[in-house]
Structures are given as structure tokens and as C-alpha cells.
Amino acid sequence: MQLTAHLLGGKVKKGEKGEYGKSTFEVLRSNPLLVGIPRK
């Protein structure tokens, strides 16, 4: 994902603390990849 953003004109930065292990994902906008996925 970071490489895609980097190569296509987005910006990737060094995180303040990073994310490791379990995290909560929230769907903001559905698309063919996320169809049928719960909001959280």
C-alpha cells in the first residue's frame, strides 16, 4: 500500500509510534474489495 501511494504521487511518512498487533478497522466507503465487510 505504501509503495502504491509513493509511486503514484501520494506521500508516505514515518509514523509517530507505528501500529503492531490487533487494531480496529473502520470501513469509510465500500468498494468491490470491501463489499460485505462490517463497518468495524
PDB file of all heavy atoms in Angstrom:
ATOM      1  N   MET A   1       0.837  -1.205   0.000  1.00  0.00           N
ATOM      2  CA  MET A   1       0.000   0.000   0.000  1.00  0.00           C
ATOM      3  C   MET A   1       0.868   1.251   0.000  1.00  0.00           C
ATOM      4  O   MET A   1       0.628   2.201  -0.757  1.00  0.00           O
ATOM      5  CB  MET A   1      -0.915   0.006   1.221  1.00  0.00           C
ATOM      6  CG  MET A   1      -1.646   1.325   1.441  1.00  0.00           C
ATOM      7  SD  MET A   1      -2.960   1.196   2.668  1.00  0.00           S
ATOM      8  CE  MET A   1      -3.239   2.943   3.052  1.00  0.00           C
ATOM      9  N   GLN A   2       1.894   1.260   0.846  1.00  0.00           N
ATOM     10  CA  GLN A   2       2.773   2.427   0.931  1.00  0.00           C
ATOM     11  C   GLN A   2       3.508   2.655  -0.389  1.00  0.00           C
ATOM     12  O   GLN A   2       3.671   3.796  -0.836  1.00  0.00           O
ATOM     13  CB  GLN A   2       3.761   2.241   2.082  1.00  0.00           C
ATOM     14  CG  GLN A   2       3.091   2.180   3.451  1.00  0.00           C
ATOM     15  CD  GLN A   2       4.000   1.616   4.532  1.00  0.00           C
ATOM     16  OE1 GLN A   2       5.179   1.402   4.315  1.00  0.00           O
ATOM     17  NE2 GLN A   2       3.427   1.358   5.706  1.00  0.00           N
ATOM     18  N   LEU A   3       3.941   1.565  -1.029  1.00  0.00           N
ATOM     19  CA  LEU A   3       4.645   1.673  -2.305  1.00  0.00           C
ATOM     20  C   LEU A   3       3.717   2.217  -3.392  1.00  0.00           C
ATOM     21  O   LEU A   3       4.118   3.052  -4.209  1.00  0.00           O
ATOM     22  CB  LEU A   3       5.207   0.309  -2.719  1.00  0.00           C
ATOM     23  CG  LEU A   3       6.032   0.294  -4.005  1.00  0.00           C
ATOM     24  CD1 LEU A   3       7.298   1.147  -3.846  1.00  0.00           C
ATOM     25  CD2 LEU A   3       6.408  -1.133  -4.397  1.00  0.00           C
ATOM     26  N   THR A   4       2.466   1.753  -3.390  1.00  0.00           N
ATOM     27  CA  THR A   4       1.485   2.245  -4.359  1.00  0.00           C
ATOM     28  C   THR A   4       1.298   3.752  -4.200  1.00  0.00           C
ATOM     29  O   THR A   4       1.326   4.509  -5.185  1.00  0.00           O
ATOM     30  CB  THR A   4       0.136   1.518  -4.171  1.00  0.00           C
ATOM     31  OG1 THR A   4       0.330   0.109  -4.322  1.00  0.00           O
ATOM     32  CG2 THR A   4      -0.893   1.995  -5.172  1.00  0.00           C
ATOM     33  N   ALA A   5       1.123   4.196  -2.952  1.00  0.00           N
ATOM     34  CA  ALA A   5       0.963   5.630  -2.692  1.00  0.00           C
ATOM     35  C   ALA A   5       2.203   6.401  -3.141  1.00  0.00           C
ATOM     36  O   ALA A   5       2.107   7.443  -3.811  1.00  0.00           O
ATOM     37  CB  ALA A   5       0.705   5.858  -1.202  1.00  0.00           C
ATOM     38  N   HIS A   6       3.374   5.896  -2.808  1.00  0.00           N
ATOM     39  CA  HIS A   6       4.649   6.548  -3.112  1.00  0.00           C
ATOM     40  C   HIS A   6       4.860   6.699  -4.616  1.00  0.00           C
ATOM     41  O   HIS A   6       5.249   7.771  -5.096  1.00  0.00           O
ATOM     42  CB  HIS A   6       5.771   5.723  -2.491  1.00  0.00           C
ATOM     43  CG  HIS A   6       7.152   6.250  -2.722  1.00  0.00           C
ATOM     44  ND1 HIS A   6       7.626   7.398  -2.123  1.00  0.00           N
ATOM     45  CD2 HIS A   6       8.165   5.781  -3.511  1.00  0.00           C
ATOM     46  CE1 HIS A   6       8.873   7.611  -2.521  1.00  0.00           C
ATOM     47  NE2 HIS A   6       9.215   6.648  -3.365  1.00  0.00           N
ATOM     48  N   LEU A   7       4.591   5.619  -5.369  1.00  0.00           N
ATOM     49  CA  LEU A   7       4.857   5.628  -6.811  1.00  0.00           C
ATOM     50  C   LEU A   7       3.834   6.445  -7.596  1.00  0.00           C
ATOM     51  O   LEU A   7       4.141   6.957  -8.681  1.00  0.00           O
ATOM     52  CB  LEU A   7       4.891   4.193  -7.359  1.00  0.00           C
ATOM     53  CG  LEU A   7       6.074   3.327  -6.926  1.00  0.00           C
ATOM     54  CD1 LEU A   7       5.925   1.915  -7.458  1.00  0.00           C
ATOM     55  CD2 LEU A   7       7.396   3.934  -7.402  1.00  0.00           C
ATOM     56  N   LEU A   8       2.623   6.583  -7.052  1.00  0.00           N
ATOM     57  CA  LEU A   8       1.560   7.242  -7.811  1.00  0.00           C
ATOM     58  C   LEU A   8       1.293   8.674  -7.350  1.00  0.00           C
ATOM     59  O   LEU A   8       0.284   9.278  -7.723  1.00  0.00           O
ATOM     60  CB  LEU A   8       0.276   6.402  -7.747  1.00  0.00           C
ATOM     61  CG  LEU A   8       0.387   5.000  -8.385  1.00  0.00           C
ATOM     62  CD1 LEU A   8      -0.944   4.269  -8.330  1.00  0.00           C
ATOM     63  CD2 LEU A   8       0.873   5.091  -9.827  1.00  0.00           C
ATOM     64  N   GLY A   9       2.188   9.224  -6.523  1.00  0.00           N
ATOM     65  CA  GLY A   9       2.100  10.640  -6.207  1.00  0.00           C
ATOM     66  C   GLY A   9       1.558  10.979  -4.834  1.00  0.00           C
ATOM     67  O   GLY A   9       1.371  12.160  -4.511  1.00  0.00           O
ATOM     68  N   GLY A  10       1.304   9.989  -4.001  1.00  0.00           N
ATOM     69  CA  GLY A  10       0.886  10.259  -2.633  1.00  0.00           C
ATOM     70  C   GLY A  10       2.105  10.497  -1.755  1.00  0.00           C
ATOM     71  O   GLY A  10       3.247  10.592  -2.241  1.00  0.00           O
ATOM     72  N   LYS A  11       1.876  10.583  -0.450  1.00  0.00           N
ATOM     73  CA  LYS A  11       3.001  10.828   0.459  1.00  0.00           C
ATOM     74  C   LYS A  11       2.980   9.816   1.600  1.00  0.00           C
ATOM     75  O   LYS A  11       1.938   9.567   2.207  1.00  0.00           O
ATOM     76  CB  LYS A  11       2.917  12.250   1.026  1.00  0.00           C
ATOM     77  CG  LYS A  11       4.145  12.644   1.836  1.00  0.00           C
ATOM     78  CD  LYS A  11       4.088  14.087   2.280  1.00  0.00           C
ATOM     79  CE  LYS A  11       5.333  14.445   3.104  1.00  0.00           C
ATOM     80  NZ  LYS A  11       5.261  15.807   3.659  1.00  0.00           N
ATOM     81  N   VAL A  12       4.156   9.228   1.857  1.00  0.00           N
ATOM     82  CA  VAL A  12       4.316   8.262   2.958  1.00  0.00           C
ATOM     83  C   VAL A  12       5.266   8.872   3.978  1.00  0.00           C
ATOM     84  O   VAL A  12       6.349   9.349   3.625  1.00  0.00           O
ATOM     85  CB  VAL A  12       4.882   6.917   2.446  1.00  0.00           C
ATOM     86  CG1 VAL A  12       5.111   5.957   3.606  1.00  0.00           C
ATOM     87  CG2 VAL A  12       3.942   6.301   1.417  1.00  0.00           C
ATOM     88  N   LYS A  13       4.859   8.861   5.235  1.00  0.00           N
ATOM     89  CA  LYS A  13       5.704   9.454   6.270  1.00  0.00           C
ATOM     90  C   LYS A  13       6.037   8.423   7.342  1.00  0.00           C
ATOM     91  O   LYS A  13       5.384   7.390   7.465  1.00  0.00           O
ATOM     92  CB  LYS A  13       5.007  10.652   6.914  1.00  0.00           C
ATOM     93  CG  LYS A  13       3.788  10.285   7.749  1.00  0.00           C
ATOM     94  CD  LYS A  13       3.264  11.479   8.535  1.00  0.00           C
ATOM     95  CE  LYS A  13       2.102  11.066   9.446  1.00  0.00           C
ATOM     96  NZ  LYS A  13       1.612  12.183  10.280  1.00  0.00           N
ATOM     97  N   LYS A  14       7.058   8.736   8.112  1.00  0.00           N
ATOM     98  CA  LYS A  14       7.431   7.893   9.241  1.00  0.00           C
ATOM     99  C   LYS A  14       6.394   8.104  10.341  1.00  0.00           C
ATOM    100  O   LYS A  14       6.089   9.241  10.717  1.00  0.00           O
ATOM    101  CB  LYS A  14       8.817   8.288   9.741  1.00  0.00           C
ATOM    102  CG  LYS A  14       9.435   7.304  10.702  1.00  0.00           C
ATOM    103  CD  LYS A  14      10.890   7.683  10.977  1.00  0.00           C
ATOM    104  CE  LYS A  14      11.560   6.623  11.839  1.00  0.00           C
ATOM    105  NZ  LYS A  14      12.983   6.924  12.058  1.00  0.00           N
ATOM    106  N   GLY A  15       5.821   7.009  10.855  1.00  0.00           N
ATOM    107  CA  GLY A  15       4.800   7.123  11.879  1.00  0.00           C
ATOM    108  C   GLY A  15       5.386   7.574  13.208  1.00  0.00           C
ATOM    109  O   GLY A  15       6.587   7.461  13.444  1.00  0.00           O
ATOM    110  N   GLU A  16       4.534   8.072  14.064  1.00  0.00           N
ATOM    111  CA  GLU A  16       4.988   8.526  15.384  1.00  0.00           C
ATOM    112  C   GLU A  16       5.265   7.350  16.314  1.00  0.00           C
ATOM    113  O   GLU A  16       6.167   7.369  17.121  1.00  0.00           O
ATOM    114  CB  GLU A  16       3.936   9.455  16.006  1.00  0.00           C
ATOM    115  CG  GLU A  16       3.805  10.780  15.260  1.00  0.00           C
ATOM    116  CD  GLU A  16       2.738  11.679  15.869  1.00  0.00           C
ATOM    117  OE1 GLU A  16       2.283  11.379  16.993  1.00  0.00           O
ATOM    118  OE2 GLU A  16       2.369  12.672  15.220  1.00  0.00           O
ATOM    119  N   LYS A  17       4.467   6.299  16.173  1.00  0.00           N
ATOM    120  CA  LYS A  17       4.662   5.136  17.056  1.00  0.00           C
ATOM    121  C   LYS A  17       4.467   3.804  16.335  1.00  0.00           C
ATOM    122  O   LYS A  17       4.828   2.761  16.848  1.00  0.00           O
ATOM    123  CB  LYS A  17       3.702   5.216  18.248  1.00  0.00           C
ATOM    124  CG  LYS A  17       2.237   5.295  17.843  1.00  0.00           C
ATOM    125  CD  LYS A  17       1.320   5.289  19.034  1.00  0.00           C
ATOM    126  CE  LYS A  17      -0.131   5.329  18.550  1.00  0.00           C
ATOM    127  NZ  LYS A  17      -1.102   4.982  19.547  1.00  0.00           N
ATOM    128  N   GLY A  18       3.901   3.836  15.127  1.00  0.00           N
ATOM    129  CA  GLY A  18       3.644   2.595  14.406  1.00  0.00           C
ATOM    130  C   GLY A  18       2.432   1.876  14.970  1.00  0.00           C
ATOM    131  O   GLY A  18       1.861   2.266  15.994  1.00  0.00           O
ATOM    132  N   GLU A  19       2.028   0.840  14.257  1.00  0.00           N
ATOM    133  CA  GLU A  19       0.905   0.002  14.704  1.00  0.00           C
ATOM    134  C   GLU A  19       1.355  -1.452  14.604  1.00  0.00           C
ATOM    135  O   GLU A  19       1.758  -1.896  13.533  1.00  0.00           O
ATOM    136  CB  GLU A  19      -0.313   0.196  13.780  1.00  0.00           C
ATOM    137  CG  GLU A  19      -1.311   1.224  14.228  1.00  0.00           C
ATOM    138  CD  GLU A  19      -2.541   1.225  13.310  1.00  0.00           C
ATOM    139  OE1 GLU A  19      -2.369   1.310  12.086  1.00  0.00           O
ATOM    140  OE2 GLU A  19      -3.654   1.151  13.832  1.00  0.00           O
ATOM    141  N   TYR A  20       1.275  -2.182  15.702  1.00  0.00           N
ATOM    142  CA  TYR A  20       1.690  -3.580  15.696  1.00  0.00           C
ATOM    143  C   TYR A  20       0.655  -4.398  16.449  1.00  0.00           C
ATOM    144  O   TYR A  20       0.220  -4.027  17.535  1.00  0.00           O
ATOM    145  CB  TYR A  20       3.072  -3.747  16.342  1.00  0.00           C
ATOM    146  CG  TYR A  20       4.147  -2.987  15.595  1.00  0.00           C
ATOM    147  CD1 TYR A  20       4.543  -1.721  15.999  1.00  0.00           C
ATOM    148  CD2 TYR A  20       4.731  -3.538  14.463  1.00  0.00           C
ATOM    149  CE1 TYR A  20       5.502  -1.013  15.299  1.00  0.00           C
ATOM    150  CE2 TYR A  20       5.700  -2.838  13.747  1.00  0.00           C
ATOM    151  CZ  TYR A  20       6.078  -1.582  14.169  1.00  0.00           C
ATOM    152  OH  TYR A  20       7.022  -0.890  13.454  1.00  0.00           O
ATOM    153  N   GLY A  21       0.248  -5.511  15.863  1.00  0.00           N
ATOM    154  CA  GLY A  21      -0.745  -6.369  16.506  1.00  0.00           C
ATOM    155  C   GLY A  21      -2.161  -5.991  16.117  1.00  0.00           C
ATOM    156  O   GLY A  21      -2.402  -5.380  15.065  1.00  0.00           O
ATOM    157  N   LYS A  22      -3.091  -6.344  16.980  1.00  0.00           N
ATOM    158  CA  LYS A  22      -4.509  -6.154  16.659  1.00  0.00           C
ATOM    159  C   LYS A  22      -4.890  -4.676  16.701  1.00  0.00           C
ATOM    160  O   LYS A  22      -4.456  -3.930  17.569  1.00  0.00           O
ATOM    161  CB  LYS A  22      -5.378  -6.964  17.622  1.00  0.00           C
ATOM    162  CG  LYS A  22      -5.264  -8.463  17.402  1.00  0.00           C
ATOM    163  CD  LYS A  22      -6.174  -9.254  18.326  1.00  0.00           C
ATOM    164  CE  LYS A  22      -6.032 -10.753  18.040  1.00  0.00           C
ATOM    165  NZ  LYS A  22      -6.877 -11.566  18.920  1.00  0.00           N
ATOM    166  N   SER A  23      -5.742  -4.305  15.733  1.00  0.00           N
ATOM    167  CA  SER A  23      -6.220  -2.934  15.643  1.00  0.00           C
ATOM    168  C   SER A  23      -7.658  -2.974  15.125  1.00  0.00           C
ATOM    169  O   SER A  23      -8.085  -3.987  14.550  1.00  0.00           O
ATOM    170  CB  SER A  23      -5.328  -2.135  14.686  1.00  0.00           C
ATOM    171  OG  SER A  23      -5.704  -0.780  14.660  1.00  0.00           O
ATOM    172  N   THR A  24      -8.402  -1.885  15.318  1.00  0.00           N
ATOM    173  CA  THR A  24      -9.780  -1.824  14.823  1.00  0.00           C
ATOM    174  C   THR A  24      -9.812  -1.099  13.485  1.00  0.00           C
ATOM    175  O   THR A  24      -9.318   0.031  13.358  1.00  0.00           O
ATOM    176  CB  THR A  24     -10.691  -1.100  15.832  1.00  0.00           C
ATOM    177  OG1 THR A  24     -10.676  -1.827  17.058  1.00  0.00           O
ATOM    178  CG2 THR A  24     -12.124  -1.026  15.313  1.00  0.00           C
ATOM    179  N   PHE A  25     -10.380  -1.770  12.484  1.00  0.00           N
ATOM    180  CA  PHE A  25     -10.512  -1.212  11.135  1.00  0.00           C
ATOM    181  C   PHE A  25     -11.945  -0.751  10.930  1.00  0.00           C
ATOM    182  O   PHE A  25     -12.895  -1.501  11.194  1.00  0.00           O
ATOM    183  CB  PHE A  25     -10.139  -2.270  10.100  1.00  0.00           C
ATOM    184  CG  PHE A  25     -10.404  -1.871   8.674  1.00  0.00           C
ATOM    185  CD1 PHE A  25      -9.714  -0.814   8.094  1.00  0.00           C
ATOM    186  CD2 PHE A  25     -11.333  -2.560   7.901  1.00  0.00           C
ATOM    187  CE1 PHE A  25      -9.943  -0.450   6.777  1.00  0.00           C
ATOM    188  CE2 PHE A  25     -11.564  -2.205   6.582  1.00  0.00           C
ATOM    189  CZ  PHE A  25     -10.873  -1.153   6.013  1.00  0.00           C
ATOM    190  N   GLU A  26     -12.092   0.484  10.468  1.00  0.00           N
ATOM    191  CA  GLU A  26     -13.423   1.032  10.201  1.00  0.00           C
ATOM    192  C   GLU A  26     -13.568   1.323   8.706  1.00  0.00           C
ATOM    193  O   GLU A  26     -12.759   2.039   8.115  1.00  0.00           O
ATOM    194  CB  GLU A  26     -13.647   2.318  10.996  1.00  0.00           C
ATOM    195  CG  GLU A  26     -15.031   2.915  10.788  1.00  0.00           C
ATOM    196  CD  GLU A  26     -15.264   4.188  11.579  1.00  0.00           C
ATOM    197  OE1 GLU A  26     -14.376   4.554  12.406  1.00  0.00           O
ATOM    198  OE2 GLU A  26     -16.319   4.825  11.385  1.00  0.00           O
ATOM    199  N   VAL A  27     -14.603   0.735   8.090  1.00  0.00           N
ATOM    200  CA  VAL A  27     -14.872   0.977   6.669  1.00  0.00           C
ATOM    201  C   VAL A  27     -15.529   2.350   6.527  1.00  0.00           C
ATOM    202  O   VAL A  27     -16.568   2.615   7.138  1.00  0.00           O
ATOM    203  CB  VAL A  27     -15.797  -0.109   6.077  1.00  0.00           C
ATOM    204  CG1 VAL A  27     -16.127   0.209   4.626  1.00  0.00           C
ATOM    205  CG2 VAL A  27     -15.150  -1.488   6.182  1.00  0.00           C
ATOM    206  N   LEU A  28     -14.909   3.203   5.724  1.00  0.00           N
ATOM    207  CA  LEU A  28     -15.458   4.549   5.487  1.00  0.00           C
ATOM    208  C   LEU A  28     -16.251   4.599   4.188  1.00  0.00           C
ATOM    209  O   LEU A  28     -17.202   5.373   4.059  1.00  0.00           O
ATOM    210  CB  LEU A  28     -14.325   5.578   5.429  1.00  0.00           C
ATOM    211  CG  LEU A  28     -13.467   5.709   6.692  1.00  0.00           C
ATOM    212  CD1 LEU A  28     -12.348   6.714   6.462  1.00  0.00           C
ATOM    213  CD2 LEU A  28     -14.319   6.118   7.889  1.00  0.00           C
ATOM    214  N   ARG A  29     -15.842   3.794   3.226  1.00  0.00           N
ATOM    215  CA  ARG A  29     -16.510   3.795   1.925  1.00  0.00           C
ATOM    216  C   ARG A  29     -16.360   2.402   1.320  1.00  0.00           C
ATOM    217  O   ARG A  29     -15.254   1.916   1.141  1.00  0.00           O
ATOM    218  CB  ARG A  29     -15.866   4.844   1.009  1.00  0.00           C
ATOM    219  CG  ARG A  29     -16.501   4.930  -0.372  1.00  0.00           C
ATOM    220  CD  ARG A  29     -15.732   5.917  -1.248  1.00  0.00           C
ATOM    221  NE  ARG A  29     -16.280   5.926  -2.595  1.00  0.00           N
ATOM    222  CZ  ARG A  29     -17.278   6.710  -2.990  1.00  0.00           C
ATOM    223  NH1 ARG A  29     -17.829   7.563  -2.129  1.00  0.00           N
ATOM    224  NH2 ARG A  29     -17.712   6.684  -4.240  1.00  0.00           N
ATOM    225  N   SER A  30     -17.474   1.758   1.008  1.00  0.00           N
ATOM    226  CA  SER A  30     -17.415   0.406   0.459  1.00  0.00           C
ATOM    227  C   SER A  30     -16.933   0.434  -0.992  1.00  0.00           C
ATOM    228  O   SER A  30     -17.059   1.449  -1.684  1.00  0.00           O
ATOM    229  CB  SER A  30     -18.790  -0.277   0.530  1.00  0.00           C
ATOM    230  OG  SER A  30     -18.658  -1.641   0.180  1.00  0.00           O
ATOM    231  N   ASN A  31     -16.343  -0.656  -1.399  1.00  0.00           N
ATOM    232  CA  ASN A  31     -15.914  -0.823  -2.794  1.00  0.00           C
ATOM    233  C   ASN A  31     -15.878  -2.325  -3.073  1.00  0.00           C
ATOM    234  O   ASN A  31     -16.166  -3.133  -2.167  1.00  0.00           O
ATOM    235  CB  ASN A  31     -14.560  -0.137  -3.027  1.00  0.00           C
ATOM    236  CG  ASN A  31     -13.463  -0.682  -2.131  1.00  0.00           C
ATOM    237  OD1 ASN A  31     -13.379  -1.875  -1.881  1.00  0.00           O
ATOM    238  ND2 ASN A  31     -12.592   0.213  -1.628  1.00  0.00           N
ATOM    239  N   PRO A  32     -15.550  -2.765  -4.278  1.00  0.00           N
ATOM    240  CA  PRO A  32     -15.580  -4.208  -4.577  1.00  0.00           C
ATOM    241  C   PRO A  32     -14.710  -5.057  -3.646  1.00  0.00           C
ATOM    242  O   PRO A  32     -14.988  -6.231  -3.437  1.00  0.00           O
ATOM    243  CB  PRO A  32     -15.074  -4.270  -6.021  1.00  0.00           C
ATOM    244  CG  PRO A  32     -15.467  -2.956  -6.611  1.00  0.00           C
ATOM    245  CD  PRO A  32     -15.311  -1.961  -5.502  1.00  0.00           C
ATOM    246  N   LEU A  33     -13.655  -4.464  -3.069  1.00  0.00           N
ATOM    247  CA  LEU A  33     -12.788  -5.207  -2.144  1.00  0.00           C
ATOM    248  C   LEU A  33     -13.449  -5.372  -0.776  1.00  0.00           C
ATOM    249  O   LEU A  33     -13.238  -6.372  -0.089  1.00  0.00           O
ATOM    250  CB  LEU A  33     -11.449  -4.477  -1.975  1.00  0.00           C
ATOM    251  CG  LEU A  33     -10.415  -5.157  -1.076  1.00  0.00           C
ATOM    252  CD1 LEU A  33      -9.841  -6.396  -1.765  1.00  0.00           C
ATOM    253  CD2 LEU A  33      -9.295  -4.195  -0.706  1.00  0.00           C
ATOM    254  N   LEU A  34     -14.241  -4.372  -0.380  1.00  0.00           N
ATOM    255  CA  LEU A  34     -14.783  -4.342   0.981  1.00  0.00           C
ATOM    256  C   LEU A  34     -16.270  -4.676   1.042  1.00  0.00           C
ATOM    257  O   LEU A  34     -16.879  -4.543   2.111  1.00  0.00           O
ATOM    258  CB  LEU A  34     -14.539  -2.954   1.598  1.00  0.00           C
ATOM    259  CG  LEU A  34     -13.059  -2.530   1.708  1.00  0.00           C
ATOM    260  CD1 LEU A  34     -12.956  -1.104   2.225  1.00  0.00           C
ATOM    261  CD2 LEU A  34     -12.279  -3.487   2.610  1.00  0.00           C
ATOM    262  N   VAL A  35     -16.847  -5.121  -0.044  1.00  0.00           N
ATOM    263  CA  VAL A  35     -18.272  -5.449  -0.039  1.00  0.00           C
ATOM    264  C   VAL A  35     -18.537  -6.586   0.952  1.00  0.00           C
ATOM    265  O   VAL A  35     -17.798  -7.570   1.013  1.00  0.00           O
ATOM    266  CB  VAL A  35     -18.767  -5.810  -1.466  1.00  0.00           C
ATOM    267  CG1 VAL A  35     -18.140  -7.111  -1.965  1.00  0.00           C
ATOM    268  CG2 VAL A  35     -20.276  -5.926  -1.495  1.00  0.00           C
ATOM    269  N   GLY A  36     -19.544  -6.422   1.780  1.00  0.00           N
ATOM    270  CA  GLY A  36     -19.896  -7.447   2.762  1.00  0.00           C
ATOM    271  C   GLY A  36     -19.071  -7.404   4.031  1.00  0.00           C
ATOM    272  O   GLY A  36     -19.245  -8.242   4.915  1.00  0.00           O
ATOM    273  N   ILE A  37     -18.170  -6.436   4.158  1.00  0.00           N
ATOM    274  CA  ILE A  37     -17.325  -6.314   5.351  1.00  0.00           C
ATOM    275  C   ILE A  37     -18.042  -5.402   6.368  1.00  0.00           C
ATOM    276  O   ILE A  37     -18.498  -4.314   6.004  1.00  0.00           O
ATOM    277  CB  ILE A  37     -15.948  -5.705   4.990  1.00  0.00           C
ATOM    278  CG1 ILE A  37     -15.251  -6.547   3.903  1.00  0.00           C
ATOM    279  CG2 ILE A  37     -15.061  -5.599   6.232  1.00  0.00           C
ATOM    280  CD1 ILE A  37     -15.001  -7.985   4.243  1.00  0.00           C
ATOM    281  N   PRO A  38     -18.158  -5.824   7.634  1.00  0.00           N
ATOM    282  CA  PRO A  38     -18.809  -4.981   8.643  1.00  0.00           C
ATOM    283  C   PRO A  38     -18.112  -3.629   8.781  1.00  0.00           C
ATOM    284  O   PRO A  38     -16.930  -3.486   8.448  1.00  0.00           O
ATOM    285  CB  PRO A  38     -18.656  -5.790   9.942  1.00  0.00           C
ATOM    286  CG  PRO A  38     -18.315  -7.164   9.527  1.00  0.00           C
ATOM    287  CD  PRO A  38     -17.649  -7.078   8.200  1.00  0.00           C
ATOM    288  N   ARG A  39     -18.851  -2.642   9.300  1.00  0.00           N
ATOM    289  CA  ARG A  39     -18.291  -1.296   9.427  1.00  0.00           C
ATOM    290  C   ARG A  39     -17.039  -1.303  10.295  1.00  0.00           C
ATOM    291  O   ARG A  39     -16.081  -0.602  10.026  1.00  0.00           O
ATOM    292  CB  ARG A  39     -19.331  -0.321   9.995  1.00  0.00           C
ATOM    293  CG  ARG A  39     -18.887   1.140   9.913  1.00  0.00           C
ATOM    294  CD  ARG A  39     -20.008   2.082  10.294  1.00  0.00           C
ATOM    295  NE  ARG A  39     -20.288   2.041  11.722  1.00  0.00           N
ATOM    296  CZ  ARG A  39     -19.639   2.742  12.651  1.00  0.00           C
ATOM    297  NH1 ARG A  39     -18.646   3.538  12.309  1.00  0.00           N
ATOM    298  NH2 ARG A  39     -19.975   2.662  13.925  1.00  0.00           N
ATOM    299  N   LYS A  40     -17.026  -2.127  11.360  1.00  0.00           N
ATOM    300  CA  LYS A  40     -15.851  -2.229  12.219  1.00  0.00           C
ATOM    301  C   LYS A  40     -15.467  -3.693  12.402  1.00  0.00           C
ATOM    302  O   LYS A  40     -16.339  -4.550  12.601  1.00  0.00           O
ATOM    303  CB  LYS A  40     -16.103  -1.578  13.582  1.00  0.00           C
ATOM    304  CG  LYS A  40     -16.169  -0.045  13.534  1.00  0.00           C
ATOM    305  CD  LYS A  40     -16.192   0.557  14.928  1.00  0.00           C
ATOM    306  CE  LYS A  40     -16.148   2.084  14.855  1.00  0.00           C
ATOM    307  NZ  LYS A  40     -16.141   2.691  16.210  1.00  0.00           N
TER     308      LYS A  40
END
